[in-house]
Amino acid sequence: MTDRDGSFAWYELLTTNASAARAFYASVVGWETQDASTAAFPYSIFSAGKIEVGGLMELPPDALRMGAEPRWVGYVSVDDIDGTVERLKHLGGSIFVPPTDSNIGRVSVVADPQTATFGIVGALKRGAPAVEPPPPGRVGWHELLAADGQKAFTFYSELFGWQSAPRENDPLESYQLVDAGGLTTVGMFTKLPRTPVPFWLYYFEVTDIAAAVARVREGGGRVVQGPMELLGGSWIARCIDPQGAMFSLQGKTSQTGIEPASTRELGWSTEWGGFASRGKVVASSVKSGAKPKR
């Protein structure tokens, strides 16, 4: 495997209906799926063409009993996962799943000191290195809504060696661009007070944002903010899938007449169209701190 130390390299959707999720993301993002189950649990792989992007599994009964709800988890690849998890503990983070051997590598599910959940993986067996610009079907951006953006940046810098990335003509001075593993694919900012819990949000690249958001609605998902135009002509939309997992789309558009976002709107909170993340989102949610088992 090509070295990806310190970068997001794998993603998992934990859901309550794997079959429905396969059909939804195939329509919206164009992903194909293949079975990668083990004797221990069912598992599927999302692929963009020949490139493996992430995994899909149903939330186990014990996780559901603890209140876990559908969500996406991004994994940062490291060389020494056990040492990284120990460092995370010393930096004030929490461990929900200790380093464990799995079908994708040695994994751990953790949270930063501000309770945003993410994964760490060592000796990753799946996927492919990230590239810029990301092609359709890949995860092109990772965004942390933090309780304190500067403190969050300090934590991740000490944990993974992430560095501040230069900004060009960016009006959002509070938005921290981050070089993670050699690529500027991460952004962090201090969430608005009405956003109760910090969390990571992942952006999936699509060829046409207008067509993709139409497929979200057709497939039973919700488009809860956007599409909004960013600097450089790219568009984003923030969504919730039919089972309740939050995600975002990013791409160009072939259609005109879409209302662009103001600079103020880009300082968004998780309060989207009447929905809000409160550890659990009203009607559709992600519960921070649940223990996904593998």
C-alpha atoms as a PDB file:
ATOM      1  CA  MET A   1       0.000   0.000   0.000  1.00  0.00           C
ATOM      2  CA  THR A   2       1.138   3.560  -0.678  1.00  0.00           C
ATOM      3  CA  ASP A   3       1.962   5.470   2.507  1.00  0.00           C
ATOM      4  CA  ARG A   4      -1.028   7.530   3.683  1.00  0.00           C
ATOM      5  CA  ASP A   5       0.132   8.319   7.194  1.00  0.00           C
ATOM      6  CA  GLY A   6      -1.908  11.097   8.736  1.00  0.00           C
ATOM      7  CA  SER A   7      -4.605  11.353   6.068  1.00  0.00           C
ATOM      8  CA  PHE A   8      -8.219  10.206   5.951  1.00  0.00           C
ATOM      9  CA  ALA A   9      -8.079   6.967   4.010  1.00  0.00           C
ATOM     10  CA  TRP A  10     -11.222   4.936   4.744  1.00  0.00           C
ATOM     11  CA  TYR A  11     -14.881   5.586   5.517  1.00  0.00           C
ATOM     12  CA  GLU A  12     -17.637   3.433   6.975  1.00  0.00           C
ATOM     13  CA  LEU A  13     -21.369   3.830   6.938  1.00  0.00           C
ATOM     14  CA  LEU A  14     -23.012   2.317  10.005  1.00  0.00           C
ATOM     15  CA  THR A  15     -26.698   1.961   9.228  1.00  0.00           C
ATOM     16  CA  THR A  16     -29.943   0.209  10.080  1.00  0.00           C
ATOM     17  CA  ASN A  17     -30.707  -1.008   6.542  1.00  0.00           C
ATOM     18  CA  ALA A  18     -27.664  -1.993   4.487  1.00  0.00           C
ATOM     19  CA  SER A  19     -29.693  -3.065   1.470  1.00  0.00           C
ATOM     20  CA  ALA A  20     -31.496   0.278   1.235  1.00  0.00           C
ATOM     21  CA  ALA A  21     -28.229   2.176   1.797  1.00  0.00           C
ATOM     22  CA  ARG A  22     -26.557   0.303  -1.067  1.00  0.00           C
ATOM     23  CA  ALA A  23     -29.334   1.322  -3.449  1.00  0.00           C
ATOM     24  CA  PHE A  24     -29.423   4.943  -2.216  1.00  0.00           C
ATOM     25  CA  TYR A  25     -25.695   5.670  -2.567  1.00  0.00           C
ATOM     26  CA  ALA A  26     -25.511   3.815  -5.873  1.00  0.00           C
ATOM     27  CA  SER A  27     -28.114   6.246  -7.210  1.00  0.00           C
ATOM     28  CA  VAL A  28     -26.781   9.430  -5.583  1.00  0.00           C
ATOM     29  CA  VAL A  29     -22.991   8.990  -5.797  1.00  0.00           C
ATOM     30  CA  GLY A  30     -22.690   6.168  -8.338  1.00  0.00           C
ATOM     31  CA  TRP A  31     -21.005   3.706  -6.004  1.00  0.00           C
ATOM     32  CA  GLU A  32     -20.917   0.005  -6.718  1.00  0.00           C
ATOM     33  CA  THR A  33     -20.874  -2.519  -3.870  1.00  0.00           C
ATOM     34  CA  GLN A  34     -19.204  -5.835  -3.366  1.00  0.00           C
ATOM     35  CA  ASP A  35     -19.486  -8.330  -0.545  1.00  0.00           C
ATOM     36  CA  ALA A  36     -16.552  -8.508   1.860  1.00  0.00           C
ATOM     37  CA  SER A  37     -18.247 -10.325   4.732  1.00  0.00           C
ATOM     38  CA  THR A  38     -16.382 -12.431   7.244  1.00  0.00           C
ATOM     39  CA  ALA A  39     -17.577 -15.227   9.485  1.00  0.00           C
ATOM     40  CA  ALA A  40     -17.935 -12.640  12.261  1.00  0.00           C
ATOM     41  CA  PHE A  41     -20.180 -10.096  10.535  1.00  0.00           C
ATOM     42  CA  PRO A  42     -21.625  -9.004   7.168  1.00  0.00           C
ATOM     43  CA  TYR A  43     -19.645  -6.240   5.445  1.00  0.00           C
ATOM     44  CA  SER A  44     -19.820  -4.582   2.015  1.00  0.00           C
ATOM     45  CA  ILE A  45     -17.394  -2.352   0.128  1.00  0.00           C
ATOM     46  CA  PHE A  46     -18.394   0.861  -1.677  1.00  0.00           C
ATOM     47  CA  SER A  47     -16.348   1.402  -4.856  1.00  0.00           C
ATOM     48  CA  ALA A  48     -16.024   4.216  -7.387  1.00  0.00           C
ATOM     49  CA  GLY A  49     -15.132   2.231 -10.478  1.00  0.00           C
ATOM     50  CA  LYS A  50     -12.141   0.107  -9.432  1.00  0.00           C
ATOM     51  CA  ILE A  51     -11.281   2.333  -6.453  1.00  0.00           C
ATOM     52  CA  GLU A  52     -12.513   1.158  -3.071  1.00  0.00           C
ATOM     53  CA  VAL A  53     -13.911   4.103  -1.098  1.00  0.00           C
ATOM     54  CA  GLY A  54     -15.394   2.729   2.092  1.00  0.00           C
ATOM     55  CA  GLY A  55     -17.334   0.070   3.919  1.00  0.00           C
ATOM     56  CA  LEU A  56     -20.949  -0.575   4.821  1.00  0.00           C
ATOM     57  CA  MET A  57     -22.285  -2.506   7.776  1.00  0.00           C
ATOM     58  CA  GLU A  58     -25.425  -2.631   9.862  1.00  0.00           C
ATOM     59  CA  LEU A  59     -25.325  -1.392  13.432  1.00  0.00           C
ATOM     60  CA  PRO A  60     -25.228  -4.462  15.675  1.00  0.00           C
ATOM     61  CA  PRO A  61     -28.045  -5.027  18.186  1.00  0.00           C
ATOM     62  CA  ASP A  62     -25.888  -4.130  21.206  1.00  0.00           C
ATOM     63  CA  ALA A  63     -24.955  -0.785  19.617  1.00  0.00           C
ATOM     64  CA  LEU A  64     -28.618  -0.068  18.858  1.00  0.00           C
ATOM     65  CA  ARG A  65     -29.543  -0.840  22.464  1.00  0.00           C
ATOM     66  CA  MET A  66     -26.943   1.730  23.563  1.00  0.00           C
ATOM     67  CA  GLY A  67     -28.630   4.345  21.370  1.00  0.00           C
ATOM     68  CA  ALA A  68     -26.326   4.307  18.334  1.00  0.00           C
ATOM     69  CA  GLU A  69     -27.901   5.692  15.171  1.00  0.00           C
ATOM     70  CA  PRO A  70     -26.796   5.719  11.509  1.00  0.00           C
ATOM     71  CA  ARG A  71     -23.692   7.743  10.712  1.00  0.00           C
ATOM     72  CA  TRP A  72     -20.538   7.985   8.646  1.00  0.00           C
ATOM     73  CA  VAL A  73     -17.141   7.453  10.308  1.00  0.00           C
ATOM     74  CA  GLY A  74     -13.887   8.533   8.661  1.00  0.00           C
ATOM     75  CA  TYR A  75     -10.615   6.720   9.471  1.00  0.00           C
ATOM     76  CA  VAL A  76      -7.220   8.401   9.568  1.00  0.00           C
ATOM     77  CA  SER A  77      -4.406   6.088   8.457  1.00  0.00           C
ATOM     78  CA  VAL A  78      -1.332   5.825  10.687  1.00  0.00           C
ATOM     79  CA  ASP A  79       1.799   3.690  10.840  1.00  0.00           C
ATOM     80  CA  ASP A  80       1.539   2.897  14.560  1.00  0.00           C
ATOM     81  CA  ILE A  81      -2.085   2.712  15.646  1.00  0.00           C
ATOM     82  CA  ASP A  82      -1.385   1.494  19.176  1.00  0.00           C
ATOM     83  CA  GLY A  83       1.083   4.314  19.798  1.00  0.00           C
ATOM     84  CA  THR A  84      -1.308   6.852  18.232  1.00  0.00           C
ATOM     85  CA  VAL A  85      -4.192   5.749  20.447  1.00  0.00           C
ATOM     86  CA  GLU A  86      -1.969   6.036  23.520  1.00  0.00           C
ATOM     87  CA  ARG A  87      -1.001   9.551  22.436  1.00  0.00           C
ATOM     88  CA  LEU A  88      -4.678  10.399  21.921  1.00  0.00           C
ATOM     89  CA  LYS A  89      -5.407   9.372  25.533  1.00  0.00           C
ATOM     90  CA  HIS A  90      -2.630  11.623  26.838  1.00  0.00           C
ATOM     91  CA  LEU A  91      -4.000  14.504  24.743  1.00  0.00           C
ATOM     92  CA  GLY A  92      -7.427  14.169  26.354  1.00  0.00           C
ATOM     93  CA  GLY A  93      -9.260  12.060  23.758  1.00  0.00           C
ATOM     94  CA  SER A  94     -11.579   9.116  24.455  1.00  0.00           C
ATOM     95  CA  ILE A  95     -11.477   5.533  23.181  1.00  0.00           C
ATOM     96  CA  PHE A  96     -14.712   3.758  22.286  1.00  0.00           C
ATOM     97  CA  VAL A  97     -13.207   0.778  20.437  1.00  0.00           C
ATOM     98  CA  PRO A  98      -9.572   0.000  21.351  1.00  0.00           C
ATOM     99  CA  PRO A  99      -7.157  -1.084  18.596  1.00  0.00           C
ATOM    100  CA  THR A 100      -8.706  -4.218  17.119  1.00  0.00           C
ATOM    101  CA  ASP A 101      -7.804  -6.378  14.126  1.00  0.00           C
ATOM    102  CA  SER A 102     -10.489  -6.303  11.423  1.00  0.00           C
ATOM    103  CA  ASN A 103     -11.034  -7.089   7.762  1.00  0.00           C
ATOM    104  CA  ILE A 104      -9.762  -3.616   6.723  1.00  0.00           C
ATOM    105  CA  GLY A 105      -6.781  -3.391   9.049  1.00  0.00           C
ATOM    106  CA  ARG A 106      -6.174  -2.670  12.718  1.00  0.00           C
ATOM    107  CA  VAL A 107      -8.817  -0.140  13.751  1.00  0.00           C
ATOM    108  CA  SER A 108      -9.887   1.993  16.677  1.00  0.00           C
ATOM    109  CA  VAL A 109     -12.922   4.252  17.102  1.00  0.00           C
ATOM    110  CA  VAL A 110     -12.170   7.313  19.222  1.00  0.00           C
ATOM    111  CA  ALA A 111     -13.246  10.866  20.001  1.00  0.00           C
ATOM    112  CA  ASP A 112     -11.310  14.089  20.340  1.00  0.00           C
ATOM    113  CA  PRO A 113     -11.413  16.079  23.628  1.00  0.00           C
ATOM    114  CA  GLN A 114     -14.446  17.978  22.305  1.00  0.00           C
ATOM    115  CA  THR A 115     -16.302  14.654  21.685  1.00  0.00           C
ATOM    116  CA  ALA A 116     -16.182  14.555  17.849  1.00  0.00           C
ATOM    117  CA  THR A 117     -15.979  10.879  16.868  1.00  0.00           C
ATOM    118  CA  PHE A 118     -13.615   9.498  14.213  1.00  0.00           C
ATOM    119  CA  GLY A 119     -11.616   6.361  13.445  1.00  0.00           C
ATOM    120  CA  ILE A 120      -7.940   5.456  13.261  1.00  0.00           C
ATOM    121  CA  VAL A 121      -6.625   2.606  11.114  1.00  0.00           C
ATOM    122  CA  GLY A 122      -3.228   0.966  10.856  1.00  0.00           C
ATOM    123  CA  ALA A 123      -1.988  -1.399   8.150  1.00  0.00           C
ATOM    124  CA  LEU A 124      -4.991  -0.508   5.989  1.00  0.00           C
ATOM    125  CA  LYS A 125      -5.747  -3.293   3.525  1.00  0.00           C
ATOM    126  CA  ARG A 126      -8.340  -1.468   1.424  1.00  0.00           C
ATOM    127  CA  GLY A 127      -8.821   1.712  -0.569  1.00  0.00           C
ATOM    128  CA  ALA A 128      -6.409   3.924  -2.485  1.00  0.00           C
ATOM    129  CA  PRO A 129      -4.408   7.088  -1.731  1.00  0.00           C
ATOM    130  CA  ALA A 130      -6.312  10.376  -1.937  1.00  0.00           C
ATOM    131  CA  VAL A 131      -5.642  12.622  -4.923  1.00  0.00           C
ATOM    132  CA  GLU A 132      -6.252  16.297  -5.717  1.00  0.00           C
ATOM    133  CA  PRO A 133      -8.520  17.200  -7.306  1.00  0.00           C
ATOM    134  CA  PRO A 134     -10.689  14.283  -6.205  1.00  0.00           C
ATOM    135  CA  PRO A 135     -12.564  12.511  -9.019  1.00  0.00           C
ATOM    136  CA  PRO A 136     -16.305  11.752  -8.817  1.00  0.00           C
ATOM    137  CA  GLY A 137     -17.132   9.078  -6.296  1.00  0.00           C
ATOM    138  CA  ARG A 138     -14.261   9.890  -3.937  1.00  0.00           C
ATOM    139  CA  VAL A 139     -14.414  11.738  -0.619  1.00  0.00           C
ATOM    140  CA  GLY A 140     -13.105  15.192  -1.449  1.00  0.00           C
ATOM    141  CA  TRP A 141     -13.404  17.129   1.803  1.00  0.00           C
ATOM    142  CA  HIS A 142     -13.538  16.532   5.561  1.00  0.00           C
ATOM    143  CA  GLU A 143     -15.024  19.160   7.851  1.00  0.00           C
ATOM    144  CA  LEU A 144     -14.904  19.399  11.630  1.00  0.00           C
ATOM    145  CA  LEU A 145     -17.515  21.452  13.437  1.00  0.00           C
ATOM    146  CA  ALA A 146     -15.628  21.985  16.695  1.00  0.00           C
ATOM    147  CA  ALA A 147     -16.539  23.461  20.051  1.00  0.00           C
ATOM    148  CA  ASP A 148     -13.307  25.454  19.757  1.00  0.00           C
ATOM    149  CA  GLY A 149     -11.674  25.425  16.338  1.00  0.00           C
ATOM    150  CA  GLN A 150      -8.216  26.523  17.493  1.00  0.00           C
ATOM    151  CA  LYS A 151      -8.032  23.985  20.307  1.00  0.00           C
ATOM    152  CA  ALA A 152      -9.233  21.276  17.933  1.00  0.00           C
ATOM    153  CA  PHE A 153      -6.523  22.185  15.429  1.00  0.00           C
ATOM    154  CA  THR A 154      -3.885  21.994  18.180  1.00  0.00           C
ATOM    155  CA  PHE A 155      -5.115  18.532  19.199  1.00  0.00           C
ATOM    156  CA  TYR A 156      -5.051  17.082  15.689  1.00  0.00           C
ATOM    157  CA  SER A 157      -1.695  18.703  14.961  1.00  0.00           C
ATOM    158  CA  GLU A 158      -0.175  17.018  17.997  1.00  0.00           C
ATOM    159  CA  LEU A 159      -1.894  13.706  17.257  1.00  0.00           C
ATOM    160  CA  PHE A 160      -1.311  13.381  13.501  1.00  0.00           C
ATOM    161  CA  GLY A 161       1.175  16.125  12.640  1.00  0.00           C
ATOM    162  CA  TRP A 162      -1.431  18.105  10.686  1.00  0.00           C
ATOM    163  CA  GLN A 163      -0.389  21.609   9.671  1.00  0.00           C
ATOM    164  CA  SER A 164      -2.116  24.866   8.861  1.00  0.00           C
ATOM    165  CA  ALA A 165      -2.595  25.295   5.116  1.00  0.00           C
ATOM    166  CA  PRO A 166      -2.378  28.687   3.371  1.00  0.00           C
ATOM    167  CA  ARG A 167      -5.630  30.290   2.296  1.00  0.00           C
ATOM    168  CA  GLU A 168      -6.155  32.124  -0.979  1.00  0.00           C
ATOM    169  CA  ASN A 169      -8.890  34.748  -1.334  1.00  0.00           C
ATOM    170  CA  ASP A 170     -10.910  33.068   1.402  1.00  0.00           C
ATOM    171  CA  PRO A 171     -13.344  35.436   3.151  1.00  0.00           C
ATOM    172  CA  LEU A 172     -13.948  33.042   6.055  1.00  0.00           C
ATOM    173  CA  GLU A 173     -11.030  33.877   8.308  1.00  0.00           C
ATOM    174  CA  SER A 174     -12.410  31.655  11.065  1.00  0.00           C
ATOM    175  CA  TYR A 175     -12.300  28.618   8.774  1.00  0.00           C
ATOM    176  CA  GLN A 176      -9.011  26.743   9.308  1.00  0.00           C
ATOM    177  CA  LEU A 177      -7.664  24.950   6.237  1.00  0.00           C
ATOM    178  CA  VAL A 178      -5.542  21.939   7.167  1.00  0.00           C
ATOM    179  CA  ASP A 179      -2.790  19.978   5.442  1.00  0.00           C
ATOM    180  CA  ALA A 180      -3.492  16.395   6.497  1.00  0.00           C
ATOM    181  CA  GLY A 181      -0.985  13.857   5.260  1.00  0.00           C
ATOM    182  CA  GLY A 182       0.314  16.129   2.500  1.00  0.00           C
ATOM    183  CA  LEU A 183      -3.041  17.168   1.036  1.00  0.00           C
ATOM    184  CA  THR A 184      -5.309  20.096   1.916  1.00  0.00           C
ATOM    185  CA  THR A 185      -8.486  18.078   2.371  1.00  0.00           C
ATOM    186  CA  VAL A 186      -9.592  19.163   5.852  1.00  0.00           C
ATOM    187  CA  GLY A 187     -11.359  22.239   7.201  1.00  0.00           C
ATOM    188  CA  MET A 188     -12.149  23.144  10.814  1.00  0.00           C
ATOM    189  CA  PHE A 189     -14.128  25.908  12.440  1.00  0.00           C
ATOM    190  CA  THR A 190     -15.832  26.782  15.702  1.00  0.00           C
ATOM    191  CA  LYS A 191     -19.465  25.755  15.457  1.00  0.00           C
ATOM    192  CA  LEU A 192     -22.240  28.174  16.278  1.00  0.00           C
ATOM    193  CA  PRO A 193     -23.603  27.966  19.859  1.00  0.00           C
ATOM    194  CA  ARG A 194     -26.920  26.497  18.689  1.00  0.00           C
ATOM    195  CA  THR A 195     -25.020  23.493  17.314  1.00  0.00           C
ATOM    196  CA  PRO A 196     -24.914  21.366  20.465  1.00  0.00           C
ATOM    197  CA  VAL A 197     -22.274  18.742  19.593  1.00  0.00           C
ATOM    198  CA  PRO A 198     -19.045  18.726  17.568  1.00  0.00           C
ATOM    199  CA  PHE A 199     -18.806  16.238  14.696  1.00  0.00           C
ATOM    200  CA  TRP A 200     -17.017  15.362  11.452  1.00  0.00           C
ATOM    201  CA  LEU A 201     -18.818  15.745   8.117  1.00  0.00           C
ATOM    202  CA  TYR A 202     -17.660  14.105   4.857  1.00  0.00           C
ATOM    203  CA  TYR A 203     -18.148  15.455   1.321  1.00  0.00           C
ATOM    204  CA  PHE A 204     -18.693  13.038  -1.582  1.00  0.00           C
ATOM    205  CA  GLU A 205     -17.704  14.228  -5.052  1.00  0.00           C
ATOM    206  CA  VAL A 206     -20.370  14.085  -7.777  1.00  0.00           C
ATOM    207  CA  THR A 207     -20.313  15.100 -11.432  1.00  0.00           C
ATOM    208  CA  ASP A 208     -23.447  17.276 -11.248  1.00  0.00           C
ATOM    209  CA  ILE A 209     -24.680  18.647  -7.932  1.00  0.00           C
ATOM    210  CA  ALA A 210     -28.158  19.500  -9.264  1.00  0.00           C
ATOM    211  CA  ALA A 211     -28.725  15.973 -10.535  1.00  0.00           C
ATOM    212  CA  ALA A 212     -27.310  14.450  -7.354  1.00  0.00           C
ATOM    213  CA  VAL A 213     -29.581  16.404  -4.996  1.00  0.00           C
ATOM    214  CA  ALA A 214     -32.566  15.425  -7.134  1.00  0.00           C
ATOM    215  CA  ARG A 215     -31.577  11.769  -6.652  1.00  0.00           C
ATOM    216  CA  VAL A 216     -31.267  12.332  -2.890  1.00  0.00           C
ATOM    217  CA  ARG A 217     -34.893  13.439  -2.769  1.00  0.00           C
ATOM    218  CA  GLU A 218     -36.065  10.737  -5.154  1.00  0.00           C
ATOM    219  CA  GLY A 219     -34.348   8.124  -2.986  1.00  0.00           C
ATOM    220  CA  GLY A 220     -36.066   9.237   0.217  1.00  0.00           C
ATOM    221  CA  GLY A 221     -33.221  11.344   1.626  1.00  0.00           C
ATOM    222  CA  ARG A 222     -33.325  14.975   2.710  1.00  0.00           C
ATOM    223  CA  VAL A 223     -31.421  17.929   1.239  1.00  0.00           C
ATOM    224  CA  VAL A 224     -31.288  20.137   4.301  1.00  0.00           C
ATOM    225  CA  GLN A 225     -28.943  22.894   3.136  1.00  0.00           C
ATOM    226  CA  GLY A 226     -27.994  23.985  -0.376  1.00  0.00           C
ATOM    227  CA  PRO A 227     -26.976  23.597  -3.063  1.00  0.00           C
ATOM    228  CA  MET A 228     -24.625  26.529  -2.339  1.00  0.00           C
ATOM    229  CA  GLU A 229     -21.881  27.879  -4.560  1.00  0.00           C
ATOM    230  CA  LEU A 230     -18.340  28.138  -3.203  1.00  0.00           C
ATOM    231  CA  LEU A 231     -15.351  30.087  -4.440  1.00  0.00           C
ATOM    232  CA  GLY A 232     -14.000  28.532  -7.630  1.00  0.00           C
ATOM    233  CA  GLY A 233     -17.385  27.452  -8.967  1.00  0.00           C
ATOM    234  CA  SER A 234     -17.868  24.289  -6.932  1.00  0.00           C
ATOM    235  CA  TRP A 235     -21.218  23.633  -5.245  1.00  0.00           C
ATOM    236  CA  ILE A 236     -22.094  21.812  -2.030  1.00  0.00           C
ATOM    237  CA  ALA A 237     -25.251  20.381  -0.488  1.00  0.00           C
ATOM    238  CA  ARG A 238     -25.673  18.966   2.997  1.00  0.00           C
ATOM    239  CA  CYS A 239     -27.956  15.975   3.273  1.00  0.00           C
ATOM    240  CA  ILE A 240     -29.371  13.192   5.427  1.00  0.00           C
ATOM    241  CA  ASP A 241     -29.842   9.723   3.956  1.00  0.00           C
ATOM    242  CA  PRO A 242     -33.097   7.748   4.419  1.00  0.00           C
ATOM    243  CA  GLN A 243     -31.747   5.966   7.514  1.00  0.00           C
ATOM    244  CA  GLY A 244     -30.550   9.200   9.166  1.00  0.00           C
ATOM    245  CA  ALA A 245     -26.812   9.430   8.404  1.00  0.00           C
ATOM    246  CA  MET A 246     -25.562  12.948   7.600  1.00  0.00           C
ATOM    247  CA  PHE A 247     -23.288  13.557   4.606  1.00  0.00           C
ATOM    248  CA  SER A 248     -22.485  16.246   2.053  1.00  0.00           C
ATOM    249  CA  LEU A 249     -22.157  16.380  -1.718  1.00  0.00           C
ATOM    250  CA  GLN A 250     -19.722  18.514  -3.689  1.00  0.00           C
ATOM    251  CA  GLY A 251     -19.332  19.107  -7.415  1.00  0.00           C
ATOM    252  CA  LYS A 252     -19.953  21.296 -10.406  1.00  0.00           C
ATOM    253  CA  THR A 253     -23.390  21.790 -11.921  1.00  0.00           C
ATOM    254  CA  SER A 254     -24.791  21.807 -15.430  1.00  0.00           C
ATOM    255  CA  GLN A 255     -27.847  23.787 -14.368  1.00  0.00           C
ATOM    256  CA  THR A 256     -28.330  27.488 -13.829  1.00  0.00           C
ATOM    257  CA  GLY A 257     -30.662  29.298 -11.490  1.00  0.00           C
ATOM    258  CA  ILE A 258     -29.447  27.635  -8.277  1.00  0.00           C
ATOM    259  CA  GLU A 259     -29.380  30.166  -5.462  1.00  0.00           C
ATOM    260  CA  PRO A 260     -25.769  30.804  -4.358  1.00  0.00           C
ATOM    261  CA  ALA A 261     -24.836  30.990  -0.689  1.00  0.00           C
ATOM    262  CA  SER A 262     -23.749  34.155   1.019  1.00  0.00           C
ATOM    263  CA  THR A 263     -20.520  34.250   2.990  1.00  0.00           C
ATOM    264  CA  ARG A 264     -22.595  34.303   6.164  1.00  0.00           C
ATOM    265  CA  GLU A 265     -24.385  31.097   5.190  1.00  0.00           C
ATOM    266  CA  LEU A 266     -21.080  29.287   4.904  1.00  0.00           C
ATOM    267  CA  GLY A 267     -20.648  29.644   8.652  1.00  0.00           C
ATOM    268  CA  TRP A 268     -23.477  27.115   8.913  1.00  0.00           C
ATOM    269  CA  SER A 269     -24.549  25.125  11.915  1.00  0.00           C
ATOM    270  CA  THR A 270     -26.025  21.663  12.061  1.00  0.00           C
ATOM    271  CA  GLU A 271     -29.469  23.193  12.443  1.00  0.00           C
ATOM    272  CA  TRP A 272     -30.622  22.355   8.920  1.00  0.00           C
ATOM    273  CA  GLY A 273     -34.203  23.004   7.958  1.00  0.00           C
ATOM    274  CA  GLY A 274     -35.617  22.205  11.369  1.00  0.00           C
ATOM    275  CA  PHE A 275     -33.190  19.373  12.064  1.00  0.00           C
ATOM    276  CA  ALA A 276     -30.506  19.704  14.694  1.00  0.00           C
ATOM    277  CA  SER A 277     -27.698  17.511  15.961  1.00  0.00           C
ATOM    278  CA  ARG A 278     -28.115  17.141  19.710  1.00  0.00           C
ATOM    279  CA  GLY A 279     -26.198  13.918  20.138  1.00  0.00           C
ATOM    280  CA  LYS A 280     -29.165  12.790  18.218  1.00  0.00           C
ATOM    281  CA  VAL A 281     -30.753  14.618  15.318  1.00  0.00           C
ATOM    282  CA  VAL A 282     -34.475  15.245  15.562  1.00  0.00           C
ATOM    283  CA  ALA A 283     -36.130  12.671  13.244  1.00  0.00           C
ATOM    284  CA  SER A 284     -32.768  11.618  11.764  1.00  0.00           C
ATOM    285  CA  SER A 285     -29.583  11.466  13.731  1.00  0.00           C
ATOM    286  CA  VAL A 286     -26.042  10.622  14.629  1.00  0.00           C
ATOM    287  CA  LYS A 287     -25.398   9.844  18.260  1.00  0.00           C
ATOM    288  CA  SER A 288     -21.948  10.913  19.351  1.00  0.00           C
ATOM    289  CA  GLY A 289     -20.049   8.439  21.431  1.00  0.00           C
ATOM    290  CA  ALA A 290     -21.847   5.219  20.487  1.00  0.00           C
ATOM    291  CA  LYS A 291     -19.652   2.137  20.304  1.00  0.00           C
ATOM    292  CA  PRO A 292     -19.764   0.554  16.854  1.00  0.00           C
ATOM    293  CA  LYS A 293     -18.523  -3.029  17.099  1.00  0.00           C
ATOM    294  CA  ARG A 294     -16.765  -4.876  14.329  1.00  0.00           C
END
